[in-house]
Amino acid sequence: MLSHKKSLNILKKTNALLEGHFVLSSGLHSPIYIQCAKLLSFPNQADKICRSLAQKIKKNFKKIDLILAPAMGGIIIGYEIGKLLKKETIFCERVNGKFFLRRGFFIKKNSKVLIIEDVITTGKSSMECVKLIEKAKAKLIGFASIIDRSNKKTLMIKKNIISHLKIEVPTYKKNQIPLSLKSKPISTPGSRFNR
């Protein structure tokens, strides 16, 4: 498996992990910004991390029938992990703000489903995927992600998350920004700002 240090180097090299002063899509300020799409734009680098995550998944989940990934962030990582584990992989996508299975995708009754995302922060998207699994009368076996940046206060997921990396990302409300962060120029790199 890939070491924590080597993984961080890959994330920094691909600009998937940036340091500075960022306004996140939540409106909170942070000295760290994570954008896994940047990692996935370098397939040879992403492959190393995906292989390491696939090993962890194999070790923790004995039986997987299906991988479900939420669009957009989970599609590529779901595909890569599905390819490595030789498992069928589907994705759900938002229609009027709610996740649906489209394009002929479906979840078989009683199948064991693993939800895969690129980054888990609050677990909101993952928990929306859980509803699709429950509706199909299938079984959720767990969650996996490249990066777990969740914290106990905001996390909606009650099961363990298997992640390649756990990264603590400090966040601050506008009126609580530390002086060290205030002195840096502000960036708003999130996809919600770049339309």
N, C-alpha and C. Protein backbone atom coordinates (compact mmCIF):
# COMPACT_ATOMS: atom_id res chain seq x y z
N MET A 1 0.83 -1.18 0.00
CA MET A 1 0.00 0.00 0.00
C MET A 1 0.87 1.25 0.00
N LEU A 2 0.35 2.30 -0.58
CA LEU A 2 1.06 3.57 -0.71
C LEU A 2 1.13 4.26 0.66
N SER A 3 2.29 4.79 1.01
CA SER A 3 2.45 5.46 2.30
C SER A 3 1.71 6.79 2.32
N HIS A 4 1.43 7.27 3.52
CA HIS A 4 0.76 8.56 3.70
C HIS A 4 1.58 9.67 3.05
N LYS A 5 2.88 9.66 3.28
CA LYS A 5 3.77 10.69 2.73
C LYS A 5 3.77 10.69 1.21
N LYS A 6 3.90 9.50 0.59
CA LYS A 6 3.90 9.40 -0.87
C LYS A 6 2.55 9.85 -1.44
N SER A 7 1.47 9.49 -0.75
CA SER A 7 0.13 9.89 -1.19
C SER A 7 -0.03 11.40 -1.17
N LEU A 8 0.41 12.03 -0.08
CA LEU A 8 0.34 13.50 0.00
C LEU A 8 1.17 14.15 -1.10
N ASN A 9 2.34 13.57 -1.39
CA ASN A 9 3.18 14.10 -2.47
C ASN A 9 2.47 14.03 -3.82
N ILE A 10 1.77 12.93 -4.07
CA ILE A 10 1.02 12.79 -5.33
C ILE A 10 -0.10 13.83 -5.39
N LEU A 11 -0.82 14.01 -4.28
CA LEU A 11 -1.91 14.99 -4.25
C LEU A 11 -1.38 16.41 -4.49
N LYS A 12 -0.24 16.73 -3.89
CA LYS A 12 0.33 18.07 -4.08
C LYS A 12 0.87 18.25 -5.50
N LYS A 13 1.52 17.21 -6.03
CA LYS A 13 2.10 17.25 -7.38
C LYS A 13 1.02 17.46 -8.45
N THR A 14 -0.17 16.90 -8.23
CA THR A 14 -1.26 17.02 -9.19
C THR A 14 -2.18 18.21 -8.89
N ASN A 15 -1.83 18.99 -7.88
CA ASN A 15 -2.65 20.14 -7.42
C ASN A 15 -4.02 19.73 -6.91
N ALA A 16 -4.13 18.50 -6.44
CA ALA A 16 -5.37 18.04 -5.82
C ALA A 16 -5.44 18.50 -4.36
N LEU A 17 -4.29 18.82 -3.80
CA LEU A 17 -4.20 19.32 -2.42
C LEU A 17 -3.45 20.64 -2.47
N LEU A 18 -4.16 21.71 -2.17
CA LEU A 18 -3.58 23.05 -2.23
C LEU A 18 -3.55 23.67 -0.83
N GLU A 19 -2.55 24.51 -0.62
CA GLU A 19 -2.45 25.25 0.64
C GLU A 19 -2.51 26.73 0.33
N GLY A 20 -3.21 27.50 1.18
CA GLY A 20 -3.38 28.94 0.97
C GLY A 20 -4.50 29.43 1.86
N HIS A 21 -5.39 30.25 1.29
CA HIS A 21 -6.59 30.74 1.99
C HIS A 21 -7.76 30.58 1.03
N PHE A 22 -8.63 29.65 1.37
CA PHE A 22 -9.72 29.30 0.47
C PHE A 22 -11.08 29.52 1.13
N VAL A 23 -12.04 29.96 0.32
CA VAL A 23 -13.42 29.99 0.76
C VAL A 23 -14.06 28.75 0.14
N LEU A 24 -14.49 27.83 0.99
CA LEU A 24 -15.08 26.57 0.53
C LEU A 24 -16.52 26.80 0.09
N SER A 25 -17.11 25.82 -0.59
CA SER A 25 -18.48 25.97 -1.07
C SER A 25 -19.47 26.14 0.09
N SER A 26 -19.08 25.74 1.28
CA SER A 26 -19.92 25.92 2.47
C SER A 26 -19.90 27.36 2.97
N GLY A 27 -18.95 28.17 2.44
CA GLY A 27 -18.78 29.54 2.91
C GLY A 27 -17.72 29.65 4.00
N LEU A 28 -17.26 28.51 4.51
CA LEU A 28 -16.22 28.50 5.53
C LEU A 28 -14.85 28.77 4.89
N HIS A 29 -13.93 29.27 5.69
CA HIS A 29 -12.56 29.55 5.23
C HIS A 29 -11.65 28.42 5.69
N SER A 30 -10.62 28.10 4.88
CA SER A 30 -9.71 27.01 5.22
C SER A 30 -8.33 27.25 4.63
N PRO A 31 -7.27 26.76 5.31
CA PRO A 31 -5.92 26.86 4.74
C PRO A 31 -5.62 25.72 3.75
N ILE A 32 -6.57 24.78 3.62
CA ILE A 32 -6.37 23.61 2.74
C ILE A 32 -7.57 23.46 1.82
N TYR A 33 -7.29 23.13 0.56
CA TYR A 33 -8.37 22.84 -0.39
C TYR A 33 -8.06 21.54 -1.10
N ILE A 34 -9.05 20.67 -1.18
CA ILE A 34 -8.89 19.37 -1.84
C ILE A 34 -9.82 19.29 -3.04
N GLN A 35 -9.25 18.96 -4.19
CA GLN A 35 -10.03 18.80 -5.42
C GLN A 35 -9.53 17.52 -6.11
N CYS A 36 -10.21 16.40 -5.83
CA CYS A 36 -9.75 15.11 -6.38
C CYS A 36 -9.83 15.04 -7.89
N ALA A 37 -10.65 15.88 -8.50
CA ALA A 37 -10.71 15.88 -9.97
C ALA A 37 -9.34 16.17 -10.56
N LYS A 38 -8.55 16.99 -9.87
CA LYS A 38 -7.19 17.29 -10.34
C LYS A 38 -6.31 16.04 -10.30
N LEU A 39 -6.44 15.24 -9.24
CA LEU A 39 -5.71 13.97 -9.16
C LEU A 39 -6.13 13.07 -10.31
N LEU A 40 -7.44 12.94 -10.52
CA LEU A 40 -7.95 12.02 -11.53
C LEU A 40 -7.64 12.46 -12.95
N SER A 41 -7.19 13.72 -13.11
CA SER A 41 -6.80 14.18 -14.45
C SER A 41 -5.40 13.68 -14.82
N PHE A 42 -4.73 13.03 -13.86
CA PHE A 42 -3.43 12.39 -14.11
C PHE A 42 -3.59 10.89 -13.82
N PRO A 43 -4.14 10.13 -14.77
CA PRO A 43 -4.45 8.72 -14.53
C PRO A 43 -3.30 7.88 -14.00
N ASN A 44 -2.07 8.14 -14.47
CA ASN A 44 -0.94 7.33 -13.99
C ASN A 44 -0.66 7.58 -12.51
N GLN A 45 -0.92 8.79 -12.02
CA GLN A 45 -0.75 9.09 -10.60
C GLN A 45 -1.95 8.57 -9.79
N ALA A 46 -3.14 8.78 -10.32
CA ALA A 46 -4.36 8.32 -9.64
C ALA A 46 -4.37 6.80 -9.50
N ASP A 47 -3.79 6.11 -10.48
CA ASP A 47 -3.77 4.64 -10.45
C ASP A 47 -3.09 4.12 -9.19
N LYS A 48 -2.01 4.79 -8.76
CA LYS A 48 -1.29 4.35 -7.56
C LYS A 48 -2.19 4.43 -6.33
N ILE A 49 -2.93 5.52 -6.23
CA ILE A 49 -3.83 5.72 -5.08
C ILE A 49 -5.02 4.77 -5.17
N CYS A 50 -5.58 4.59 -6.37
CA CYS A 50 -6.72 3.68 -6.54
C CYS A 50 -6.34 2.24 -6.19
N ARG A 51 -5.15 1.82 -6.59
CA ARG A 51 -4.71 0.45 -6.27
C ARG A 51 -4.58 0.26 -4.76
N SER A 52 -4.05 1.27 -4.10
CA SER A 52 -3.90 1.20 -2.65
C SER A 52 -5.27 1.15 -1.97
N LEU A 53 -6.21 1.98 -2.43
CA LEU A 53 -7.58 1.98 -1.87
C LEU A 53 -8.25 0.63 -2.14
N ALA A 54 -8.07 0.08 -3.34
CA ALA A 54 -8.67 -1.22 -3.68
C ALA A 54 -8.18 -2.31 -2.72
N GLN A 55 -6.90 -2.27 -2.37
CA GLN A 55 -6.36 -3.25 -1.41
C GLN A 55 -7.05 -3.13 -0.05
N LYS A 56 -7.26 -1.89 0.40
CA LYS A 56 -7.94 -1.67 1.68
C LYS A 56 -9.38 -2.16 1.63
N ILE A 57 -10.04 -1.91 0.51
CA ILE A 57 -11.43 -2.36 0.35
C ILE A 57 -11.50 -3.88 0.41
N LYS A 58 -10.61 -4.56 -0.32
CA LYS A 58 -10.57 -6.04 -0.32
C LYS A 58 -10.39 -6.58 1.10
N LYS A 59 -9.53 -5.94 1.85
CA LYS A 59 -9.22 -6.36 3.21
C LYS A 59 -10.41 -6.18 4.15
N ASN A 60 -11.23 -5.14 3.93
CA ASN A 60 -12.32 -4.81 4.84
C ASN A 60 -13.69 -5.32 4.43
N PHE A 61 -13.90 -5.58 3.14
CA PHE A 61 -15.21 -6.04 2.68
C PHE A 61 -15.03 -7.34 1.91
N LYS A 62 -15.55 -8.42 2.47
CA LYS A 62 -15.35 -9.74 1.87
C LYS A 62 -16.23 -9.99 0.66
N LYS A 63 -17.46 -9.45 0.67
CA LYS A 63 -18.38 -9.73 -0.44
C LYS A 63 -19.00 -8.44 -0.93
N ILE A 64 -18.73 -8.09 -2.18
CA ILE A 64 -19.31 -6.91 -2.82
C ILE A 64 -19.96 -7.38 -4.12
N ASP A 65 -21.23 -7.03 -4.29
CA ASP A 65 -21.91 -7.35 -5.54
C ASP A 65 -21.92 -6.17 -6.51
N LEU A 66 -21.96 -4.96 -5.93
CA LEU A 66 -22.14 -3.77 -6.76
C LEU A 66 -21.47 -2.57 -6.09
N ILE A 67 -20.91 -1.70 -6.91
CA ILE A 67 -20.37 -0.43 -6.43
C ILE A 67 -21.29 0.68 -6.94
N LEU A 68 -21.69 1.57 -6.04
CA LEU A 68 -22.54 2.71 -6.39
C LEU A 68 -21.76 3.99 -6.09
N ALA A 69 -21.67 4.87 -7.08
CA ALA A 69 -20.95 6.13 -6.92
C ALA A 69 -21.88 7.29 -7.24
N PRO A 70 -21.82 8.35 -6.43
CA PRO A 70 -22.61 9.54 -6.76
C PRO A 70 -21.90 10.39 -7.81
N ALA A 71 -22.67 10.92 -8.76
CA ALA A 71 -22.11 11.84 -9.75
C ALA A 71 -21.92 13.19 -9.06
N MET A 72 -20.97 13.89 -9.42
CA MET A 72 -19.95 13.75 -10.43
C MET A 72 -18.69 13.14 -9.84
N GLY A 73 -18.34 13.58 -8.63
CA GLY A 73 -17.05 13.22 -8.06
C GLY A 73 -16.77 11.75 -7.94
N GLY A 74 -17.78 10.93 -7.74
CA GLY A 74 -17.55 9.51 -7.52
C GLY A 74 -17.44 8.66 -8.78
N ILE A 75 -17.83 9.20 -9.92
CA ILE A 75 -17.91 8.38 -11.14
C ILE A 75 -16.56 7.77 -11.52
N ILE A 76 -15.53 8.58 -11.61
CA ILE A 76 -14.23 8.06 -12.08
C ILE A 76 -13.63 7.12 -11.04
N ILE A 77 -13.65 7.51 -9.77
CA ILE A 77 -13.08 6.64 -8.74
C ILE A 77 -13.87 5.34 -8.64
N GLY A 78 -15.20 5.42 -8.77
CA GLY A 78 -16.02 4.20 -8.77
C GLY A 78 -15.64 3.28 -9.91
N TYR A 79 -15.46 3.84 -11.10
CA TYR A 79 -15.07 3.07 -12.28
C TYR A 79 -13.73 2.39 -12.05
N GLU A 80 -12.75 3.16 -11.55
CA GLU A 80 -11.40 2.61 -11.35
C GLU A 80 -11.41 1.49 -10.31
N ILE A 81 -12.10 1.69 -9.21
CA ILE A 81 -12.15 0.66 -8.17
C ILE A 81 -12.93 -0.55 -8.68
N GLY A 82 -14.00 -0.31 -9.41
CA GLY A 82 -14.76 -1.42 -10.00
C GLY A 82 -13.90 -2.25 -10.94
N LYS A 83 -13.07 -1.58 -11.73
CA LYS A 83 -12.18 -2.27 -12.65
C LYS A 83 -11.16 -3.12 -11.88
N LEU A 84 -10.57 -2.54 -10.83
CA LEU A 84 -9.57 -3.26 -10.04
C LEU A 84 -10.17 -4.45 -9.28
N LEU A 85 -11.39 -4.28 -8.78
CA LEU A 85 -12.03 -5.35 -8.00
C LEU A 85 -12.89 -6.28 -8.87
N LYS A 86 -12.98 -5.94 -10.16
CA LYS A 86 -13.79 -6.72 -11.10
C LYS A 86 -15.26 -6.78 -10.65
N LYS A 87 -15.80 -5.61 -10.32
CA LYS A 87 -17.18 -5.50 -9.86
C LYS A 87 -17.97 -4.55 -10.74
N GLU A 88 -19.26 -4.87 -10.92
CA GLU A 88 -20.15 -3.96 -11.64
C GLU A 88 -20.20 -2.64 -10.88
N THR A 89 -20.14 -1.55 -11.63
CA THR A 89 -20.15 -0.22 -11.02
C THR A 89 -21.16 0.66 -11.73
N ILE A 90 -22.03 1.29 -10.95
CA ILE A 90 -23.03 2.21 -11.51
C ILE A 90 -22.93 3.54 -10.78
N PHE A 91 -23.60 4.55 -11.32
CA PHE A 91 -23.63 5.83 -10.63
C PHE A 91 -25.04 6.39 -10.61
N CYS A 92 -25.27 7.23 -9.62
CA CYS A 92 -26.54 7.94 -9.55
C CYS A 92 -26.26 9.41 -9.84
N GLU A 93 -27.28 10.11 -10.27
CA GLU A 93 -27.08 11.51 -10.61
C GLU A 93 -28.28 12.33 -10.15
N ARG A 94 -28.04 13.61 -9.96
CA ARG A 94 -29.09 14.48 -9.45
C ARG A 94 -30.04 14.92 -10.56
N VAL A 95 -31.31 14.85 -10.24
CA VAL A 95 -32.37 15.39 -11.09
C VAL A 95 -33.19 16.27 -10.15
N ASN A 96 -33.25 17.56 -10.45
CA ASN A 96 -33.94 18.52 -9.58
C ASN A 96 -33.48 18.40 -8.13
N GLY A 97 -32.17 18.23 -7.95
CA GLY A 97 -31.59 18.23 -6.61
C GLY A 97 -31.65 16.91 -5.86
N LYS A 98 -32.19 15.85 -6.47
CA LYS A 98 -32.33 14.57 -5.77
C LYS A 98 -31.67 13.46 -6.60
N PHE A 99 -30.99 12.53 -5.91
CA PHE A 99 -30.32 11.43 -6.63
C PHE A 99 -31.32 10.42 -7.18
N PHE A 100 -31.05 9.99 -8.42
CA PHE A 100 -31.83 8.95 -9.09
C PHE A 100 -30.88 8.04 -9.84
N LEU A 101 -31.31 6.81 -10.07
CA LEU A 101 -30.61 5.91 -10.98
C LEU A 101 -31.23 6.13 -12.35
N ARG A 102 -30.41 6.39 -13.35
CA ARG A 102 -30.88 6.60 -14.70
C ARG A 102 -30.07 5.71 -15.63
N ARG A 103 -30.22 5.89 -16.93
CA ARG A 103 -29.42 5.21 -17.95
C ARG A 103 -29.54 3.69 -17.89
N GLY A 104 -30.64 3.20 -17.34
CA GLY A 104 -30.84 1.76 -17.25
C GLY A 104 -30.17 1.11 -16.05
N PHE A 105 -29.55 1.90 -15.18
CA PHE A 105 -28.91 1.35 -13.98
C PHE A 105 -29.98 0.92 -12.98
N PHE A 106 -29.70 -0.17 -12.27
CA PHE A 106 -30.59 -0.59 -11.19
C PHE A 106 -29.79 -1.38 -10.17
N ILE A 107 -30.38 -1.51 -8.99
CA ILE A 107 -29.75 -2.25 -7.90
C ILE A 107 -30.62 -3.48 -7.64
N LYS A 108 -30.02 -4.67 -7.73
CA LYS A 108 -30.78 -5.91 -7.51
C LYS A 108 -31.12 -6.07 -6.04
N LYS A 109 -32.30 -6.60 -5.79
CA LYS A 109 -32.75 -6.89 -4.42
C LYS A 109 -31.75 -7.83 -3.74
N ASN A 110 -31.45 -7.57 -2.48
CA ASN A 110 -30.53 -8.36 -1.64
C ASN A 110 -29.05 -8.27 -2.04
N SER A 111 -28.73 -7.46 -3.04
CA SER A 111 -27.31 -7.34 -3.41
C SER A 111 -26.56 -6.54 -2.35
N LYS A 112 -25.26 -6.82 -2.24
CA LYS A 112 -24.41 -6.14 -1.27
C LYS A 112 -23.71 -4.98 -2.00
N VAL A 113 -24.00 -3.76 -1.55
CA VAL A 113 -23.57 -2.56 -2.28
C VAL A 113 -22.57 -1.75 -1.46
N LEU A 114 -21.48 -1.35 -2.13
CA LEU A 114 -20.47 -0.47 -1.55
C LEU A 114 -20.61 0.90 -2.21
N ILE A 115 -20.68 1.94 -1.40
CA ILE A 115 -20.74 3.31 -1.92
C ILE A 115 -19.31 3.86 -1.97
N ILE A 116 -18.94 4.40 -3.13
CA ILE A 116 -17.59 4.97 -3.29
C ILE A 116 -17.69 6.43 -3.73
N GLU A 117 -16.90 7.27 -3.06
CA GLU A 117 -16.81 8.69 -3.40
C GLU A 117 -15.35 9.09 -3.54
N ASP A 118 -15.12 10.26 -4.11
CA ASP A 118 -13.75 10.77 -4.15
C ASP A 118 -13.37 11.33 -2.79
N VAL A 119 -14.19 12.23 -2.26
CA VAL A 119 -13.95 12.84 -0.95
C VAL A 119 -15.22 12.75 -0.12
N ILE A 120 -15.10 12.35 1.13
CA ILE A 120 -16.25 12.38 2.04
C ILE A 120 -15.98 13.48 3.06
N THR A 121 -16.92 14.42 3.12
CA THR A 121 -16.79 15.53 4.07
C THR A 121 -17.86 15.40 5.15
N THR A 122 -19.12 15.59 4.77
CA THR A 122 -20.22 15.42 5.73
C THR A 122 -20.90 14.07 5.57
N GLY A 123 -20.75 13.47 4.39
CA GLY A 123 -21.42 12.21 4.10
C GLY A 123 -22.81 12.40 3.52
N LYS A 124 -23.19 13.64 3.22
CA LYS A 124 -24.54 13.94 2.72
C LYS A 124 -24.85 13.18 1.43
N SER A 125 -23.95 13.25 0.45
CA SER A 125 -24.17 12.54 -0.83
C SER A 125 -24.26 11.04 -0.60
N SER A 126 -23.36 10.51 0.23
CA SER A 126 -23.38 9.07 0.51
C SER A 126 -24.70 8.64 1.15
N MET A 127 -25.20 9.45 2.07
CA MET A 127 -26.45 9.09 2.75
C MET A 127 -27.63 9.17 1.78
N GLU A 128 -27.55 10.04 0.79
CA GLU A 128 -28.58 10.07 -0.24
C GLU A 128 -28.52 8.79 -1.08
N CYS A 129 -27.31 8.27 -1.31
CA CYS A 129 -27.15 7.00 -2.04
C CYS A 129 -27.74 5.84 -1.23
N VAL A 130 -27.60 5.90 0.09
CA VAL A 130 -28.14 4.85 0.96
C VAL A 130 -29.65 4.69 0.72
N LYS A 131 -30.35 5.80 0.51
CA LYS A 131 -31.80 5.74 0.27
C LYS A 131 -32.12 4.92 -0.99
N LEU A 132 -31.27 5.04 -2.02
CA LEU A 132 -31.48 4.26 -3.25
C LEU A 132 -31.28 2.77 -2.99
N ILE A 133 -30.31 2.46 -2.14
CA ILE A 133 -30.03 1.06 -1.79
C ILE A 133 -31.20 0.48 -0.99
N GLU A 134 -31.69 1.25 -0.03
CA GLU A 134 -32.82 0.80 0.79
C GLU A 134 -34.08 0.62 -0.05
N LYS A 135 -34.31 1.56 -0.97
CA LYS A 135 -35.48 1.48 -1.85
C LYS A 135 -35.46 0.20 -2.69
N ALA A 136 -34.25 -0.23 -3.08
CA ALA A 136 -34.10 -1.44 -3.88
C ALA A 136 -34.13 -2.71 -3.02
N LYS A 137 -34.23 -2.54 -1.70
CA LYS A 137 -34.19 -3.68 -0.75
C LYS A 137 -32.87 -4.45 -0.87
N ALA A 138 -31.80 -3.68 -1.06
CA ALA A 138 -30.45 -4.25 -1.11
C ALA A 138 -29.77 -3.95 0.22
N LYS A 139 -28.51 -4.37 0.35
CA LYS A 139 -27.80 -4.22 1.62
C LYS A 139 -26.58 -3.32 1.45
N LEU A 140 -26.50 -2.27 2.23
CA LEU A 140 -25.33 -1.41 2.26
C LEU A 140 -24.25 -2.13 3.05
N ILE A 141 -23.07 -2.31 2.45
CA ILE A 141 -21.99 -2.94 3.22
C ILE A 141 -21.00 -1.92 3.76
N GLY A 142 -20.98 -0.71 3.18
CA GLY A 142 -20.09 0.32 3.70
C GLY A 142 -19.79 1.42 2.71
N PHE A 143 -18.81 2.25 3.12
CA PHE A 143 -18.42 3.43 2.36
C PHE A 143 -16.91 3.42 2.14
N ALA A 144 -16.48 3.94 0.98
CA ALA A 144 -15.06 4.05 0.70
C ALA A 144 -14.82 5.36 -0.06
N SER A 145 -13.63 5.92 0.13
CA SER A 145 -13.29 7.16 -0.57
C SER A 145 -11.77 7.29 -0.68
N ILE A 146 -11.35 8.11 -1.62
CA ILE A 146 -9.93 8.42 -1.72
C ILE A 146 -9.52 9.17 -0.45
N ILE A 147 -10.30 10.22 -0.14
CA ILE A 147 -9.99 11.05 1.02
C ILE A 147 -11.20 11.15 1.94
N ASP A 148 -10.95 10.94 3.21
CA ASP A 148 -11.95 11.17 4.25
C ASP A 148 -11.52 12.42 4.99
N ARG A 149 -12.27 13.50 4.80
CA ARG A 149 -11.95 14.73 5.52
C ARG A 149 -13.07 15.10 6.48
N SER A 150 -13.83 14.07 6.86
CA SER A 150 -14.95 14.28 7.78
C SER A 150 -14.46 14.51 9.20
N ASN A 151 -15.35 15.05 10.01
CA ASN A 151 -15.08 15.13 11.44
C ASN A 151 -16.34 14.66 12.16
N LYS A 152 -16.18 14.25 13.38
CA LYS A 152 -17.28 13.65 14.15
C LYS A 152 -18.49 14.57 14.27
N LYS A 153 -18.28 15.89 14.31
CA LYS A 153 -19.39 16.84 14.52
C LYS A 153 -20.33 16.90 13.33
N THR A 154 -19.78 16.86 12.11
CA THR A 154 -20.60 17.08 10.92
C THR A 154 -20.95 15.80 10.16
N LEU A 155 -20.32 14.70 10.50
CA LEU A 155 -20.49 13.47 9.72
C LEU A 155 -21.86 12.83 9.92
N MET A 156 -22.55 12.54 8.82
CA MET A 156 -23.86 11.89 8.87
C MET A 156 -23.73 10.37 8.87
N ILE A 157 -22.58 9.87 8.43
CA ILE A 157 -22.36 8.42 8.31
C ILE A 157 -22.02 7.84 9.68
N LYS A 158 -22.69 6.75 10.04
CA LYS A 158 -22.43 6.13 11.34
C LYS A 158 -21.52 4.91 11.24
N LYS A 159 -21.36 4.36 10.03
CA LYS A 159 -20.45 3.22 9.83
C LYS A 159 -19.04 3.74 9.56
N ASN A 160 -18.08 2.83 9.65
CA ASN A 160 -16.70 3.19 9.32
C ASN A 160 -16.57 3.51 7.84
N ILE A 161 -15.68 4.44 7.56
CA ILE A 161 -15.37 4.79 6.18
C ILE A 161 -13.98 4.24 5.88
N ILE A 162 -13.86 3.47 4.81
CA ILE A 162 -12.55 2.99 4.37
C ILE A 162 -12.04 4.04 3.39
N SER A 163 -10.93 4.67 3.75
CA SER A 163 -10.39 5.70 2.86
C SER A 163 -8.90 5.45 2.64
N HIS A 164 -8.44 5.97 1.52
CA HIS A 164 -7.00 5.89 1.27
C HIS A 164 -6.27 6.81 2.24
N LEU A 165 -6.82 8.01 2.45
CA LEU A 165 -6.21 8.99 3.35
C LEU A 165 -7.27 9.65 4.21
N LYS A 166 -6.93 9.89 5.45
CA LYS A 166 -7.75 10.72 6.34
C LYS A 166 -6.98 12.02 6.48
N ILE A 167 -7.61 13.13 6.08
CA ILE A 167 -6.95 14.43 6.14
C ILE A 167 -7.81 15.38 6.97
N GLU A 168 -7.20 15.96 7.98
CA GLU A 168 -7.88 16.97 8.80
C GLU A 168 -7.81 18.30 8.06
N VAL A 169 -8.96 18.89 7.80
CA VAL A 169 -9.02 20.17 7.11
C VAL A 169 -9.68 21.17 8.06
N PRO A 170 -8.87 22.05 8.67
CA PRO A 170 -9.49 23.04 9.57
C PRO A 170 -10.34 24.03 8.80
N THR A 171 -11.47 24.40 9.36
CA THR A 171 -12.35 25.39 8.74
C THR A 171 -12.73 26.44 9.77
N TYR A 172 -12.99 27.65 9.27
CA TYR A 172 -13.31 28.77 10.16
C TYR A 172 -14.45 29.59 9.58
N LYS A 173 -15.31 30.07 10.47
CA LYS A 173 -16.33 31.03 10.07
C LYS A 173 -15.63 32.35 9.77
N LYS A 174 -16.28 33.19 8.97
CA LYS A 174 -15.70 34.45 8.52
C LYS A 174 -15.20 35.32 9.68
N ASN A 175 -15.92 35.30 10.79
CA ASN A 175 -15.54 36.15 11.93
C ASN A 175 -14.55 35.46 12.89
N GLN A 176 -14.06 34.26 12.52
CA GLN A 176 -13.13 33.52 13.38
C GLN A 176 -11.83 33.14 12.68
N ILE A 177 -11.52 33.79 11.57
CA ILE A 177 -10.32 33.45 10.79
C ILE A 177 -9.07 33.85 11.57
N PRO A 178 -8.11 32.92 11.75
CA PRO A 178 -6.87 33.27 12.44
C PRO A 178 -6.04 34.27 11.64
N LEU A 179 -5.23 35.07 12.33
CA LEU A 179 -4.41 36.09 11.67
C LEU A 179 -3.51 35.50 10.59
N SER A 180 -2.95 34.31 10.84
CA SER A 180 -2.06 33.68 9.86
C SER A 180 -2.77 33.42 8.53
N LEU A 181 -4.07 33.17 8.59
CA LEU A 181 -4.85 32.91 7.38
C LEU A 181 -5.33 34.23 6.76
N LYS A 182 -5.68 35.19 7.59
CA LYS A 182 -6.16 36.50 7.10
C LYS A 182 -5.14 37.19 6.21
N SER A 183 -3.85 36.97 6.49
CA SER A 183 -2.79 37.65 5.73
C SER A 183 -2.59 37.10 4.32
N LYS A 184 -3.22 35.96 4.02
CA LYS A 184 -3.06 35.34 2.70
C LYS A 184 -4.21 35.75 1.76
N PRO A 185 -3.93 35.90 0.46
CA PRO A 185 -5.00 36.24 -0.48
C PRO A 185 -6.04 35.11 -0.55
N ILE A 186 -7.30 35.48 -0.72
CA ILE A 186 -8.40 34.52 -0.75
C ILE A 186 -8.61 33.95 -2.15
N SER A 187 -8.81 32.62 -2.23
CA SER A 187 -9.18 31.93 -3.48
C SER A 187 -10.52 31.25 -3.26
N THR A 188 -11.31 31.16 -4.32
CA THR A 188 -12.58 30.42 -4.27
C THR A 188 -12.58 29.38 -5.39
N PRO A 189 -11.86 28.26 -5.19
CA PRO A 189 -11.65 27.29 -6.26
C PRO A 189 -12.78 26.29 -6.48
N GLY A 190 -13.76 26.22 -5.62
CA GLY A 190 -14.78 25.17 -5.71
C GLY A 190 -15.58 25.21 -7.00
N SER A 191 -16.08 24.05 -7.40
CA SER A 191 -16.85 23.94 -8.65
C SER A 191 -18.13 24.75 -8.62
N ARG A 192 -18.66 25.02 -7.43
CA ARG A 192 -19.89 25.83 -7.36
C ARG A 192 -19.62 27.28 -7.71
N PHE A 193 -18.37 27.71 -7.58
CA PHE A 193 -18.03 29.10 -7.91
C PHE A 193 -17.61 29.24 -9.36
N ASN A 194 -17.15 28.17 -9.98
CA ASN A 194 -16.60 28.23 -11.34
C ASN A 194 -17.63 27.73 -12.35
N ARG A 195 -18.58 28.54 -12.68
CA ARG A 195 -19.61 28.12 -13.62
C ARG A 195 -19.43 28.79 -14.95
